[in-house]
């Protein structure tokens, strides 16, 4: 998954704004008005795209778009690794 492009596009679609108006340094709450519900819905959207369940524990500590990108990149990597291990077992 191209985390930067995909996360920004998913977030933009969820917020109803153009992706070009969302920058890595933006504070999710202060600059973009993101709510906790928005973040969970973004997680669900990403789950649909990548086809795996994402553990959202710790999502409440994410403050910026770049942190959100890193969070989802790590969550997808963990979920993919777990899925591979389960498929092998």
Protein backbone atom coordinates (compact mmCIF):
# COMPACT_ATOMS: atom_id res chain seq x y z
CA UNK A 1 0.00 0.00 0.00
CA UNK A 2 1.31 3.44 -0.84
CA UNK A 3 0.59 4.81 2.62
CA UNK A 4 1.14 8.52 1.95
CA UNK A 5 -1.03 8.72 -1.16
CA UNK A 6 -3.70 6.31 0.07
CA UNK A 7 -4.07 7.74 3.56
CA UNK A 8 -4.35 11.30 2.29
CA UNK A 9 -6.91 10.29 -0.31
CA UNK A 10 -8.97 8.25 2.16
CA UNK A 11 -8.83 11.08 4.69
CA UNK A 12 -9.77 13.65 2.02
CA UNK A 13 -12.73 11.58 0.88
CA UNK A 14 -13.89 11.10 4.47
CA UNK A 15 -13.60 14.86 5.18
CA UNK A 16 -15.08 15.95 1.85
CA UNK A 17 -12.10 18.03 0.79
CA UNK A 18 -9.52 17.87 -2.00
CA UNK A 19 -6.42 15.78 -1.22
CA UNK A 20 -4.24 18.72 -2.26
CA UNK A 21 -5.46 20.61 0.83
CA UNK A 22 -4.12 17.97 3.23
CA UNK A 23 -0.45 18.15 4.14
CA UNK A 24 1.72 15.88 6.33
CA UNK A 25 2.31 18.61 8.90
CA UNK A 26 -1.39 19.33 9.45
CA UNK A 27 -2.75 18.69 12.92
CA UNK A 28 -5.70 16.35 12.47
CA UNK A 29 -7.98 18.09 14.98
CA UNK A 30 -6.83 21.72 14.88
CA UNK A 31 -6.20 22.06 11.14
CA UNK A 32 -8.59 19.52 9.64
CA UNK A 33 -11.35 19.13 12.23
CA UNK A 34 -10.93 15.36 12.40
CA UNK A 35 -12.92 13.60 15.11
CA UNK A 36 -12.30 10.25 16.78
CA UNK A 37 -15.17 8.85 14.72
CA UNK A 38 -13.51 10.13 11.52
CA UNK A 39 -10.33 8.26 12.43
CA UNK A 40 -12.18 5.00 13.03
CA UNK A 41 -14.02 5.41 9.72
CA UNK A 42 -10.71 6.06 7.94
CA UNK A 43 -9.38 2.86 9.52
CA UNK A 44 -12.41 0.94 8.25
CA UNK A 45 -11.93 2.41 4.77
CA UNK A 46 -8.29 1.35 4.78
CA UNK A 47 -9.24 -2.13 5.96
CA UNK A 48 -11.48 -2.45 2.91
CA UNK A 49 -8.67 -1.36 0.59
CA UNK A 50 -6.00 -3.67 1.98
CA UNK A 51 -8.33 -6.54 2.88
CA UNK A 52 -7.10 -7.05 6.44
CA UNK A 53 -8.20 -6.09 9.94
CA UNK A 54 -6.27 -3.21 11.45
CA UNK A 55 -5.69 -2.88 15.20
CA UNK A 56 -6.57 0.72 16.03
CA UNK A 57 -5.12 0.64 19.54
CA UNK A 58 -3.05 3.78 19.92
CA UNK A 59 -4.87 5.67 17.18
CA UNK A 60 -6.03 8.23 19.77
CA UNK A 61 -2.40 9.33 20.25
CA UNK A 62 -1.97 10.28 16.57
CA UNK A 63 -1.89 14.05 16.09
CA UNK A 64 -0.69 14.85 12.54
CA UNK A 65 -1.28 13.53 9.05
CA UNK A 66 2.30 12.22 8.87
CA UNK A 67 1.81 10.38 12.19
CA UNK A 68 -1.42 8.93 10.80
CA UNK A 69 0.43 7.71 7.70
CA UNK A 70 3.09 6.04 9.86
CA UNK A 71 0.47 4.54 12.16
CA UNK A 72 -1.42 2.90 9.30
CA UNK A 73 1.75 1.78 7.52
CA UNK A 74 2.88 0.01 10.71
CA UNK A 75 -0.61 -1.39 11.41
CA UNK A 76 -0.91 -2.79 7.88
CA UNK A 77 2.58 -4.30 8.12
CA UNK A 78 1.73 -5.96 11.46
CA UNK A 79 -1.60 -7.26 10.17
CA UNK A 80 -0.01 -8.57 6.99
CA UNK A 81 2.73 -10.31 8.96
CA UNK A 82 0.18 -11.91 11.28
CA UNK A 83 -1.89 -13.02 8.30
CA UNK A 84 1.12 -14.64 6.63
CA UNK A 85 2.02 -16.45 9.85
CA UNK A 86 -1.54 -17.75 10.20
CA UNK A 87 -1.65 -18.84 6.55
CA UNK A 88 1.57 -20.80 7.00
CA UNK A 89 0.42 -22.47 10.22
